Each structure stands twice: as structure tokens, then as C-alpha cells.
């Protein structure tokens, strides 16, 4: 069986690879926020509610390393950083929309 590789992740199963990319609790919610447009760290933290700074920083760093999110630093005082979804992130967001629809459907029952 062929190995499937994406960035630093490797799996024998393409489903495992896809799910591992968004497996952590906050990653789908971060994508949901970024689907609305670029955001600053504080805006994302506020939208997610109970996420810690450390957890959010870790998730954003992983998503940036995976090519799903871009991080832009502006040379201003005070410093400003904005996060945005990359085309790869947008493709993933589109791919997980059927999961959202399925979840909403089964939650109705």
C-alpha cells in the first residue's frame, strides 16, 4: 500500500491523513472563523471563547506549518499579526462542509 504524505504527516490511509490534519478540537473552529476573512489572534480567541492562548498559538502554528493558514506580521507599533486561510485551507474547508451537513442532519434526530 502506498503512503500518503502531507507536509510532516504520513499515513497509509488517506482518510487518516485528512482527519489528522484537522483532528484537534480547535482547528475546525479556527477554519470557520478564518472562512469569514482574515483575523487577528485576539479576534480568533474571542470568537472561540474558552480556548487558552497556548492552545490557540499551538493550533495556529500547526495549521501554518501545514499550509492551511497564512500568518502576516505588520511592522507597526504596536505589532500586528493577521491570520488568513490559504487556498489549501479553503480547499479543506470546502471538503469538510459535507461533514458539517451530516452532523446537523443526525443532530436533528
PDB file of N, CA and C in Angstrom:
ATOM      1  N   UNK A   1       0.834  -1.175   0.000  1.00  0.00           N
ATOM      2  CA  UNK A   1       0.000   0.000   0.000  1.00  0.00           C
ATOM      3  C   UNK A   1       0.882   1.244   0.000  1.00  0.00           C
ATOM      4  N   UNK A   2       0.510   2.227  -0.757  1.00  0.00           N
ATOM      5  CA  UNK A   2       1.282   3.465  -0.848  1.00  0.00           C
ATOM      6  C   UNK A   2       1.071   4.318   0.392  1.00  0.00           C
ATOM      7  N   UNK A   3       2.101   5.069   0.761  1.00  0.00           N
ATOM      8  CA  UNK A   3       1.978   6.018   1.855  1.00  0.00           C
ATOM      9  C   UNK A   3       1.450   7.334   1.306  1.00  0.00           C
ATOM     10  N   UNK A   4       0.623   7.984   2.110  1.00  0.00           N
ATOM     11  CA  UNK A   4       0.111   9.303   1.774  1.00  0.00           C
ATOM     12  C   UNK A   4       0.831  10.286   2.687  1.00  0.00           C
ATOM     13  N   UNK A   5       1.389  11.326   2.086  1.00  0.00           N
ATOM     14  CA  UNK A   5       2.184  12.288   2.845  1.00  0.00           C
ATOM     15  C   UNK A   5       1.655  13.686   2.579  1.00  0.00           C
ATOM     16  N   UNK A   6       1.494  14.439   3.665  1.00  0.00           N
ATOM     17  CA  UNK A   6       1.126  15.850   3.561  1.00  0.00           C
ATOM     18  C   UNK A   6       1.954  16.602   4.579  1.00  0.00           C
ATOM     19  N   UNK A   7       2.801  17.495   4.105  1.00  0.00           N
ATOM     20  CA  UNK A   7       3.727  18.227   4.959  1.00  0.00           C
ATOM     21  C   UNK A   7       4.493  17.232   5.825  1.00  0.00           C
ATOM     22  N   UNK A   8       4.384  17.337   7.127  1.00  0.00           N
ATOM     23  CA  UNK A   8       5.141  16.435   8.010  1.00  0.00           C
ATOM     24  C   UNK A   8       4.337  15.203   8.411  1.00  0.00           C
ATOM     25  N   UNK A   9       3.127  15.073   7.923  1.00  0.00           N
ATOM     26  CA  UNK A   9       2.274  13.950   8.300  1.00  0.00           C
ATOM     27  C   UNK A   9       2.390  12.830   7.271  1.00  0.00           C
ATOM     28  N   UNK A  10       2.307  11.604   7.754  1.00  0.00           N
ATOM     29  CA  UNK A  10       2.409  10.447   6.875  1.00  0.00           C
ATOM     30  C   UNK A  10       1.434   9.388   7.356  1.00  0.00           C
ATOM     31  N   UNK A  11       0.768   8.733   6.438  1.00  0.00           N
ATOM     32  CA  UNK A  11      -0.192   7.699   6.809  1.00  0.00           C
ATOM     33  C   UNK A  11      -0.330   6.706   5.663  1.00  0.00           C
ATOM     34  N   UNK A  12      -0.742   5.506   6.012  1.00  0.00           N
ATOM     35  CA  UNK A  12      -1.044   4.509   4.987  1.00  0.00           C
ATOM     36  C   UNK A  12      -2.463   4.686   4.460  1.00  0.00           C
ATOM     37  N   UNK A  13      -3.254   5.510   5.120  1.00  0.00           N
ATOM     38  CA  UNK A  13      -4.659   5.705   4.759  1.00  0.00           C
ATOM     39  C   UNK A  13      -4.936   7.180   4.489  1.00  0.00           C
ATOM     40  N   UNK A  14      -5.488   7.508   3.333  1.00  0.00           N
ATOM     41  CA  UNK A  14      -5.757   8.917   3.035  1.00  0.00           C
ATOM     42  C   UNK A  14      -6.792   9.534   3.980  1.00  0.00           C
ATOM     43  N   UNK A  15      -7.727   8.727   4.493  1.00  0.00           N
ATOM     44  CA  UNK A  15      -8.716   9.251   5.436  1.00  0.00           C
ATOM     45  C   UNK A  15      -8.056   9.660   6.746  1.00  0.00           C
ATOM     46  N   UNK A  16      -7.155   8.818   7.236  1.00  0.00           N
ATOM     47  CA  UNK A  16      -6.426   9.150   8.464  1.00  0.00           C
ATOM     48  C   UNK A  16      -5.632  10.430   8.290  1.00  0.00           C
ATOM     49  N   UNK A  17      -4.993  10.562   7.151  1.00  0.00           N
ATOM     50  CA  UNK A  17      -4.192  11.747   6.885  1.00  0.00           C
ATOM     51  C   UNK A  17      -5.059  12.999   6.888  1.00  0.00           C
ATOM     52  N   UNK A  18      -6.205  12.936   6.226  1.00  0.00           N
ATOM     53  CA  UNK A  18      -7.106  14.094   6.176  1.00  0.00           C
ATOM     54  C   UNK A  18      -7.627  14.446   7.560  1.00  0.00           C
ATOM     55  N   UNK A  19      -8.049  13.457   8.308  1.00  0.00           N
ATOM     56  CA  UNK A  19      -8.604  13.722   9.636  1.00  0.00           C
ATOM     57  C   UNK A  19      -7.536  14.177  10.620  1.00  0.00           C
ATOM     58  N   UNK A  20      -6.328  13.657  10.496  1.00  0.00           N
ATOM     59  CA  UNK A  20      -5.241  14.076  11.381  1.00  0.00           C
ATOM     60  C   UNK A  20      -4.906  15.550  11.184  1.00  0.00           C
ATOM     61  N   UNK A  21      -5.128  16.064   9.995  1.00  0.00           N
ATOM     62  CA  UNK A  21      -4.826  17.454   9.694  1.00  0.00           C
ATOM     63  C   UNK A  21      -5.749  18.404  10.466  1.00  0.00           C
ATOM     64  N   UNK A  22      -6.966  17.954  10.774  1.00  0.00           N
ATOM     65  CA  UNK A  22      -7.922  18.805  11.491  1.00  0.00           C
ATOM     66  C   UNK A  22      -8.394  18.170  12.797  1.00  0.00           C
ATOM     67  N   UNK A  23      -7.663  17.186  13.293  1.00  0.00           N
ATOM     68  CA  UNK A  23      -8.133  16.387  14.421  1.00  0.00           C
ATOM     69  C   UNK A  23      -8.271  17.145  15.731  1.00  0.00           C
ATOM     70  N   UNK A  24      -7.455  18.114  15.985  1.00  0.00           N
ATOM     71  CA  UNK A  24      -7.532  18.799  17.270  1.00  0.00           C
ATOM     72  C   UNK A  24      -8.818  19.619  17.373  1.00  0.00           C
ATOM     73  N   UNK A  25      -9.292  19.724  18.584  1.00  0.00           N
ATOM     74  CA  UNK A  25     -10.582  20.344  18.879  1.00  0.00           C
ATOM     75  C   UNK A  25     -10.785  21.702  18.216  1.00  0.00           C
ATOM     76  N   UNK A  26      -9.793  22.548  18.220  1.00  0.00           N
ATOM     77  CA  UNK A  26      -9.986  23.926  17.802  1.00  0.00           C
ATOM     78  C   UNK A  26      -9.784  24.164  16.309  1.00  0.00           C
ATOM     79  N   UNK A  27      -9.153  23.251  15.598  1.00  0.00           N
ATOM     80  CA  UNK A  27      -8.810  23.514  14.205  1.00  0.00           C
ATOM     81  C   UNK A  27     -10.024  23.758  13.299  1.00  0.00           C
ATOM     82  N   UNK A  28     -11.075  22.939  13.367  1.00  0.00           N
ATOM     83  CA  UNK A  28     -12.239  23.254  12.524  1.00  0.00           C
ATOM     84  C   UNK A  28     -12.872  24.599  12.873  1.00  0.00           C
ATOM     85  N   UNK A  29     -12.877  24.940  14.148  1.00  0.00           N
ATOM     86  CA  UNK A  29     -13.467  26.216  14.558  1.00  0.00           C
ATOM     87  C   UNK A  29     -12.600  27.390  14.109  1.00  0.00           C
ATOM     88  N   UNK A  30     -11.292  27.200  14.115  1.00  0.00           N
ATOM     89  CA  UNK A  30     -10.401  28.246  13.592  1.00  0.00           C
ATOM     90  C   UNK A  30     -10.654  28.443  12.098  1.00  0.00           C
ATOM     91  N   UNK A  31     -10.765  27.342  11.364  1.00  0.00           N
ATOM     92  CA  UNK A  31     -11.072  27.440   9.932  1.00  0.00           C
ATOM     93  C   UNK A  31     -12.392  28.164   9.713  1.00  0.00           C
ATOM     94  N   UNK A  32     -13.378  27.877  10.562  1.00  0.00           N
ATOM     95  CA  UNK A  32     -14.681  28.524  10.435  1.00  0.00           C
ATOM     96  C   UNK A  32     -14.552  30.041  10.601  1.00  0.00           C
ATOM     97  N   UNK A  33     -13.763  30.469  11.568  1.00  0.00           N
ATOM     98  CA  UNK A  33     -13.557  31.903  11.768  1.00  0.00           C
ATOM     99  C   UNK A  33     -12.814  32.524  10.594  1.00  0.00           C
ATOM    100  N   UNK A  34     -11.785  31.835  10.114  1.00  0.00           N
ATOM    101  CA  UNK A  34     -10.988  32.382   9.008  1.00  0.00           C
ATOM    102  C   UNK A  34     -11.746  32.341   7.690  1.00  0.00           C
ATOM    103  N   UNK A  35     -12.774  31.499   7.587  1.00  0.00           N
ATOM    104  CA  UNK A  35     -13.597  31.471   6.374  1.00  0.00           C
ATOM    105  C   UNK A  35     -14.343  32.797   6.198  1.00  0.00           C
ATOM    106  N   UNK A  36     -14.513  33.524   7.296  1.00  0.00           N
ATOM    107  CA  UNK A  36     -15.182  34.823   7.246  1.00  0.00           C
ATOM    108  C   UNK A  36     -14.235  35.936   6.818  1.00  0.00           C
ATOM    109  N   UNK A  37     -12.929  35.664   6.861  1.00  0.00           N
ATOM    110  CA  UNK A  37     -11.933  36.658   6.477  1.00  0.00           C
ATOM    111  C   UNK A  37     -10.757  36.632   7.432  1.00  0.00           C
ATOM    112  N   UNK A  38      -9.732  37.397   7.106  1.00  0.00           N
ATOM    113  CA  UNK A  38      -8.529  37.400   7.941  1.00  0.00           C
ATOM    114  C   UNK A  38      -8.854  37.972   9.318  1.00  0.00           C
ATOM    115  N   UNK A  39      -8.137  37.472  10.330  1.00  0.00           N
ATOM    116  CA  UNK A  39      -8.388  37.859  11.723  1.00  0.00           C
ATOM    117  C   UNK A  39      -7.084  38.012  12.470  1.00  0.00           C
ATOM    118  N   UNK A  40      -7.128  38.815  13.493  1.00  0.00           N
ATOM    119  CA  UNK A  40      -6.015  38.913  14.426  1.00  0.00           C
ATOM    120  C   UNK A  40      -6.184  37.834  15.487  1.00  0.00           C
ATOM    121  N   UNK A  41      -5.103  37.527  16.182  1.00  0.00           N
ATOM    122  CA  UNK A  41      -5.097  36.492  17.210  1.00  0.00           C
ATOM    123  C   UNK A  41      -6.205  36.727  18.235  1.00  0.00           C
ATOM    124  N   UNK A  42      -6.297  37.943  18.735  1.00  0.00           N
ATOM    125  CA  UNK A  42      -7.296  38.261  19.754  1.00  0.00           C
ATOM    126  C   UNK A  42      -8.719  38.079  19.261  1.00  0.00           C
ATOM    127  N   UNK A  43      -8.957  38.367  17.980  1.00  0.00           N
ATOM    128  CA  UNK A  43     -10.295  38.186  17.412  1.00  0.00           C
ATOM    129  C   UNK A  43     -10.670  36.707  17.365  1.00  0.00           C
ATOM    130  N   UNK A  44      -9.694  35.884  16.991  1.00  0.00           N
ATOM    131  CA  UNK A  44      -9.949  34.436  16.949  1.00  0.00           C
ATOM    132  C   UNK A  44     -10.195  33.914  18.363  1.00  0.00           C
ATOM    133  N   UNK A  45      -9.357  34.321  19.293  1.00  0.00           N
ATOM    134  CA  UNK A  45      -9.504  33.881  20.688  1.00  0.00           C
ATOM    135  C   UNK A  45     -10.871  34.281  21.230  1.00  0.00           C
ATOM    136  N   UNK A  46     -11.305  35.495  20.972  1.00  0.00           N
ATOM    137  CA  UNK A  46     -12.603  35.974  21.436  1.00  0.00           C
ATOM    138  C   UNK A  46     -13.738  35.154  20.821  1.00  0.00           C
ATOM    139  N   UNK A  47     -13.643  34.873  19.516  1.00  0.00           N
ATOM    140  CA  UNK A  47     -14.695  34.114  18.819  1.00  0.00           C
ATOM    141  C   UNK A  47     -14.801  32.682  19.337  1.00  0.00           C
ATOM    142  N   UNK A  48     -13.665  32.084  19.707  1.00  0.00           N
ATOM    143  CA  UNK A  48     -13.678  30.700  20.173  1.00  0.00           C
ATOM    144  C   UNK A  48     -14.087  30.569  21.637  1.00  0.00           C
ATOM    145  N   UNK A  49     -13.952  31.627  22.384  1.00  0.00           N
ATOM    146  CA  UNK A  49     -14.402  31.602  23.769  1.00  0.00           C
ATOM    147  C   UNK A  49     -13.398  31.027  24.741  1.00  0.00           C
ATOM    148  N   UNK A  50     -13.489  29.748  25.018  1.00  0.00           N
ATOM    149  CA  UNK A  50     -12.728  29.160  26.120  1.00  0.00           C
ATOM    150  C   UNK A  50     -11.345  28.624  25.747  1.00  0.00           C
ATOM    151  N   UNK A  51     -10.846  28.912  24.582  1.00  0.00           N
ATOM    152  CA  UNK A  51      -9.524  28.425  24.186  1.00  0.00           C
ATOM    153  C   UNK A  51      -8.446  29.215  24.929  1.00  0.00           C
ATOM    154  N   UNK A  52      -7.396  28.518  25.374  1.00  0.00           N
ATOM    155  CA  UNK A  52      -6.275  29.203  26.022  1.00  0.00           C
ATOM    156  C   UNK A  52      -5.353  29.789  24.957  1.00  0.00           C
ATOM    157  N   UNK A  53      -4.581  30.791  25.353  1.00  0.00           N
ATOM    158  CA  UNK A  53      -3.621  31.389  24.423  1.00  0.00           C
ATOM    159  C   UNK A  53      -2.635  30.346  23.911  1.00  0.00           C
ATOM    160  N   UNK A  54      -2.165  29.486  24.815  1.00  0.00           N
ATOM    161  CA  UNK A  54      -1.186  28.459  24.436  1.00  0.00           C
ATOM    162  C   UNK A  54      -1.777  27.485  23.417  1.00  0.00           C
ATOM    163  N   UNK A  55      -3.008  27.038  23.644  1.00  0.00           N
ATOM    164  CA  UNK A  55      -3.646  26.089  22.727  1.00  0.00           C
ATOM    165  C   UNK A  55      -3.898  26.735  21.369  1.00  0.00           C
ATOM    166  N   UNK A  56      -4.365  27.978  21.379  1.00  0.00           N
ATOM    167  CA  UNK A  56      -4.619  28.677  20.121  1.00  0.00           C
ATOM    168  C   UNK A  56      -3.321  28.908  19.361  1.00  0.00           C
ATOM    169  N   UNK A  57      -2.278  29.329  20.061  1.00  0.00           N
ATOM    170  CA  UNK A  57      -0.972  29.537  19.417  1.00  0.00           C
ATOM    171  C   UNK A  57      -0.459  28.254  18.787  1.00  0.00           C
ATOM    172  N   UNK A  58      -0.593  27.151  19.523  1.00  0.00           N
ATOM    173  CA  UNK A  58      -0.144  25.852  19.029  1.00  0.00           C
ATOM    174  C   UNK A  58      -0.926  25.432  17.787  1.00  0.00           C
ATOM    175  N   UNK A  59      -2.244  25.569  17.835  1.00  0.00           N
ATOM    176  CA  UNK A  59      -3.078  25.174  16.688  1.00  0.00           C
ATOM    177  C   UNK A  59      -2.764  26.037  15.473  1.00  0.00           C
ATOM    178  N   UNK A  60      -2.629  27.345  15.673  1.00  0.00           N
ATOM    179  CA  UNK A  60      -2.312  28.231  14.547  1.00  0.00           C
ATOM    180  C   UNK A  60      -0.933  27.930  13.966  1.00  0.00           C
ATOM    181  N   UNK A  61       0.033  27.614  14.825  1.00  0.00           N
ATOM    182  CA  UNK A  61       1.374  27.271  14.335  1.00  0.00           C
ATOM    183  C   UNK A  61       1.336  25.984  13.512  1.00  0.00           C
ATOM    184  N   UNK A  62       0.608  24.982  13.986  1.00  0.00           N
ATOM    185  CA  UNK A  62       0.489  23.724  13.234  1.00  0.00           C
ATOM    186  C   UNK A  62      -0.219  23.957  11.906  1.00  0.00           C
ATOM    187  N   UNK A  63      -1.277  24.735  11.925  1.00  0.00           N
ATOM    188  CA  UNK A  63      -2.029  24.993  10.704  1.00  0.00           C
ATOM    189  C   UNK A  63      -1.206  25.818   9.714  1.00  0.00           C
ATOM    190  N   UNK A  64      -0.368  26.706  10.223  1.00  0.00           N
ATOM    191  CA  UNK A  64       0.531  27.468   9.359  1.00  0.00           C
ATOM    192  C   UNK A  64       1.577  26.540   8.746  1.00  0.00           C
ATOM    193  N   UNK A  65       2.139  25.655   9.565  1.00  0.00           N
ATOM    194  CA  UNK A  65       3.135  24.694   9.069  1.00  0.00           C
ATOM    195  C   UNK A  65       2.529  23.743   8.043  1.00  0.00           C
ATOM    196  N   UNK A  66       1.247  23.414   8.203  1.00  0.00           N
ATOM    197  CA  UNK A  66       0.562  22.531   7.257  1.00  0.00           C
ATOM    198  C   UNK A  66       0.116  23.259   5.994  1.00  0.00           C
ATOM    199  N   UNK A  67       0.298  24.571   5.949  1.00  0.00           N
ATOM    200  CA  UNK A  67      -0.070  25.329   4.758  1.00  0.00           C
ATOM    201  C   UNK A  67      -1.545  25.669   4.681  1.00  0.00           C
ATOM    202  N   UNK A  68      -2.280  25.535   5.778  1.00  0.00           N
ATOM    203  CA  UNK A  68      -3.713  25.831   5.783  1.00  0.00           C
ATOM    204  C   UNK A  68      -4.003  27.288   6.109  1.00  0.00           C
ATOM    205  N   UNK A  69      -3.079  27.903   6.850  1.00  0.00           N
ATOM    206  CA  UNK A  69      -3.256  29.267   7.335  1.00  0.00           C
ATOM    207  C   UNK A  69      -1.987  30.053   7.035  1.00  0.00           C
ATOM    208  N   UNK A  70      -2.161  31.307   6.652  1.00  0.00           N
ATOM    209  CA  UNK A  70      -1.003  32.187   6.487  1.00  0.00           C
ATOM    210  C   UNK A  70      -0.951  33.155   7.664  1.00  0.00           C
ATOM    211  N   UNK A  71       0.256  33.544   8.015  1.00  0.00           N
ATOM    212  CA  UNK A  71       0.487  34.477   9.123  1.00  0.00           C
ATOM    213  C   UNK A  71       1.241  35.670   8.558  1.00  0.00           C
ATOM    214  N   UNK A  72       0.659  36.858   8.695  1.00  0.00           N
ATOM    215  CA  UNK A  72       1.274  38.068   8.193  1.00  0.00           C
ATOM    216  C   UNK A  72       1.556  39.007   9.346  1.00  0.00           C
ATOM    217  N   UNK A  73       2.830  39.385   9.500  1.00  0.00           N
ATOM    218  CA  UNK A  73       3.245  40.346  10.531  1.00  0.00           C
ATOM    219  C   UNK A  73       3.386  41.714   9.893  1.00  0.00           C
ATOM    220  N   UNK A  74       2.850  42.719  10.574  1.00  0.00           N
ATOM    221  CA  UNK A  74       2.950  44.083  10.103  1.00  0.00           C
ATOM    222  C   UNK A  74       3.923  44.836  10.998  1.00  0.00           C
ATOM    223  N   UNK A  75       4.819  45.595  10.385  1.00  0.00           N
ATOM    224  CA  UNK A  75       5.813  46.372  11.139  1.00  0.00           C
ATOM    225  C   UNK A  75       5.168  47.662  11.621  1.00  0.00           C
ATOM    226  N   UNK A  76       4.414  47.543  12.691  1.00  0.00           N
ATOM    227  CA  UNK A  76       3.728  48.688  13.258  1.00  0.00           C
ATOM    228  C   UNK A  76       3.962  48.709  14.758  1.00  0.00           C
ATOM    229  N   UNK A  77       3.609  49.816  15.369  1.00  0.00           N
ATOM    230  CA  UNK A  77       3.648  49.912  16.824  1.00  0.00           C
ATOM    231  C   UNK A  77       2.230  50.237  17.267  1.00  0.00           C
ATOM    232  N   UNK A  78       1.595  49.384  18.023  1.00  0.00           N
ATOM    233  CA  UNK A  78       2.050  48.074  18.479  1.00  0.00           C
ATOM    234  C   UNK A  78       2.063  47.071  17.323  1.00  0.00           C
ATOM    235  N   UNK A  79       2.841  45.994  17.466  1.00  0.00           N
ATOM    236  CA  UNK A  79       2.917  44.990  16.401  1.00  0.00           C
ATOM    237  C   UNK A  79       1.545  44.377  16.128  1.00  0.00           C
ATOM    238  N   UNK A  80       1.326  44.037  14.869  1.00  0.00           N
ATOM    239  CA  UNK A  80       0.050  43.437  14.469  1.00  0.00           C
ATOM    240  C   UNK A  80       0.337  42.209  13.629  1.00  0.00           C
ATOM    241  N   UNK A  81      -0.396  41.136  13.905  1.00  0.00           N
ATOM    242  CA  UNK A  81      -0.292  39.891  13.147  1.00  0.00           C
ATOM    243  C   UNK A  81      -1.694  39.500  12.719  1.00  0.00           C
ATOM    244  N   UNK A  82      -1.851  39.121  11.465  1.00  0.00           N
ATOM    245  CA  UNK A  82      -3.141  38.655  10.967  1.00  0.00           C
ATOM    246  C   UNK A  82      -2.986  37.257  10.397  1.00  0.00           C
ATOM    247  N   UNK A  83      -4.020  36.469  10.604  1.00  0.00           N
ATOM    248  CA  UNK A  83      -4.084  35.112  10.078  1.00  0.00           C
ATOM    249  C   UNK A  83      -5.170  35.062   9.017  1.00  0.00           C
ATOM    250  N   UNK A  84      -4.911  34.292   7.967  1.00  0.00           N
ATOM    251  CA  UNK A  84      -5.878  34.136   6.888  1.00  0.00           C
ATOM    252  C   UNK A  84      -5.806  32.706   6.364  1.00  0.00           C
ATOM    253  N   UNK A  85      -6.874  32.268   5.771  1.00  0.00           N
ATOM    254  CA  UNK A  85      -6.908  30.940   5.189  1.00  0.00           C
ATOM    255  C   UNK A  85      -6.186  30.975   3.840  1.00  0.00           C
ATOM    256  N   UNK A  86      -5.352  29.989   3.594  1.00  0.00           N
ATOM    257  CA  UNK A  86      -4.667  29.859   2.308  1.00  0.00           C
ATOM    258  C   UNK A  86      -5.599  29.132   1.333  1.00  0.00           C
ATOM    259  N   UNK A  87      -5.252  29.078   0.051  1.00  0.00           N
ATOM    260  CA  UNK A  87      -6.046  28.278  -0.881  1.00  0.00           C
ATOM    261  C   UNK A  87      -6.161  26.809  -0.435  1.00  0.00           C
ATOM    262  N   UNK A  88      -5.087  26.269   0.167  1.00  0.00           N
ATOM    263  CA  UNK A  88      -5.128  24.892   0.673  1.00  0.00           C
ATOM    264  C   UNK A  88      -6.137  24.792   1.820  1.00  0.00           C
ATOM    265  N   UNK A  89      -6.164  25.791   2.679  1.00  0.00           N
ATOM    266  CA  UNK A  89      -7.134  25.830   3.772  1.00  0.00           C
ATOM    267  C   UNK A  89      -8.554  25.961   3.260  1.00  0.00           C
ATOM    268  N   UNK A  90      -8.734  26.782   2.226  1.00  0.00           N
ATOM    269  CA  UNK A  90     -10.059  26.943   1.627  1.00  0.00           C
ATOM    270  C   UNK A  90     -10.541  25.633   1.021  1.00  0.00           C
ATOM    271  N   UNK A  91      -9.630  24.892   0.392  1.00  0.00           N
ATOM    272  CA  UNK A  91      -9.999  23.590  -0.182  1.00  0.00           C
ATOM    273  C   UNK A  91     -10.403  22.614   0.921  1.00  0.00           C
ATOM    274  N   UNK A  92      -9.660  22.625   2.025  1.00  0.00           N
ATOM    275  CA  UNK A  92     -10.018  21.764   3.149  1.00  0.00           C
ATOM    276  C   UNK A  92     -11.355  22.174   3.738  1.00  0.00           C
ATOM    277  N   UNK A  93     -11.581  23.472   3.886  1.00  0.00           N
ATOM    278  CA  UNK A  93     -12.848  23.970   4.418  1.00  0.00           C
ATOM    279  C   UNK A  93     -14.014  23.498   3.542  1.00  0.00           C
ATOM    280  N   UNK A  94     -13.849  23.577   2.244  1.00  0.00           N
ATOM    281  CA  UNK A  94     -14.894  23.097   1.334  1.00  0.00           C
ATOM    282  C   UNK A  94     -15.100  21.593   1.480  1.00  0.00           C
ATOM    283  N   UNK A  95     -14.018  20.866   1.701  1.00  0.00           N
ATOM    284  CA  UNK A  95     -14.111  19.407   1.823  1.00  0.00           C
ATOM    285  C   UNK A  95     -14.811  18.974   3.105  1.00  0.00           C
ATOM    286  N   UNK A  96     -14.713  19.776   4.177  1.00  0.00           N
ATOM    287  CA  UNK A  96     -15.345  19.353   5.434  1.00  0.00           C
ATOM    288  C   UNK A  96     -16.780  19.862   5.571  1.00  0.00           C
ATOM    289  N   UNK A  97     -17.247  20.644   4.627  1.00  0.00           N
ATOM    290  CA  UNK A  97     -18.636  21.105   4.686  1.00  0.00           C
ATOM    291  C   UNK A  97     -19.645  19.955   4.673  1.00  0.00           C
ATOM    292  N   UNK A  98     -19.435  18.887   3.893  1.00  0.00           N
ATOM    293  CA  UNK A  98     -20.365  17.752   3.980  1.00  0.00           C
ATOM    294  C   UNK A  98     -20.400  17.110   5.374  1.00  0.00           C
ATOM    295  N   UNK A  99     -19.279  17.129   6.100  1.00  0.00           N
ATOM    296  CA  UNK A  99     -19.285  16.621   7.474  1.00  0.00           C
ATOM    297  C   UNK A  99     -20.180  17.482   8.358  1.00  0.00           C
ATOM    298  N   UNK A 100     -20.121  18.770   8.153  1.00  0.00           N
ATOM    299  CA  UNK A 100     -20.977  19.692   8.901  1.00  0.00           C
ATOM    300  C   UNK A 100     -22.445  19.398   8.606  1.00  0.00           C
ATOM    301  N   UNK A 101     -22.773  19.234   7.335  1.00  0.00           N
ATOM    302  CA  UNK A 101     -24.153  18.945   6.947  1.00  0.00           C
ATOM    303  C   UNK A 101     -24.619  17.628   7.556  1.00  0.00           C
ATOM    304  N   UNK A 102     -23.754  16.621   7.538  1.00  0.00           N
ATOM    305  CA  UNK A 102     -24.098  15.323   8.137  1.00  0.00           C
ATOM    306  C   UNK A 102     -24.353  15.479   9.633  1.00  0.00           C
ATOM    307  N   UNK A 103     -23.486  16.217  10.306  1.00  0.00           N
ATOM    308  CA  UNK A 103     -23.619  16.420  11.747  1.00  0.00           C
ATOM    309  C   UNK A 103     -24.929  17.126  12.082  1.00  0.00           C
ATOM    310  N   UNK A 104     -25.275  18.134  11.310  1.00  0.00           N
ATOM    311  CA  UNK A 104     -26.525  18.852  11.542  1.00  0.00           C
ATOM    312  C   UNK A 104     -27.727  17.933  11.321  1.00  0.00           C
ATOM    313  N   UNK A 105     -27.626  17.081  10.303  1.00  0.00           N
ATOM    314  CA  UNK A 105     -28.741  16.174   9.992  1.00  0.00           C
ATOM    315  C   UNK A 105     -28.950  15.146  11.096  1.00  0.00           C
ATOM    316  N   UNK A 106     -27.863  14.525  11.570  1.00  0.00           N
ATOM    317  CA  UNK A 106     -28.023  13.500  12.603  1.00  0.00           C
ATOM    318  C   UNK A 106     -28.366  14.105  13.959  1.00  0.00           C
ATOM    319  N   UNK A 107     -28.030  15.371  14.169  1.00  0.00           N
ATOM    320  CA  UNK A 107     -28.377  16.041  15.415  1.00  0.00           C
ATOM    321  C   UNK A 107     -29.860  16.345  15.516  1.00  0.00           C
ATOM    322  N   UNK A 108     -30.527  16.406  14.393  1.00  0.00           N
ATOM    323  CA  UNK A 108     -31.973  16.681  14.362  1.00  0.00           C
ATOM    324  C   UNK A 108     -32.772  15.511  14.885  1.00  0.00           C
ATOM    325  N   UNK A 109     -32.237  14.311  14.785  1.00  0.00           N
ATOM    326  CA  UNK A 109     -32.997  13.105  15.170  1.00  0.00           C
ATOM    327  C   UNK A 109     -32.971  12.880  16.646  1.00  0.00           C
TER     328      UNK A 109
END
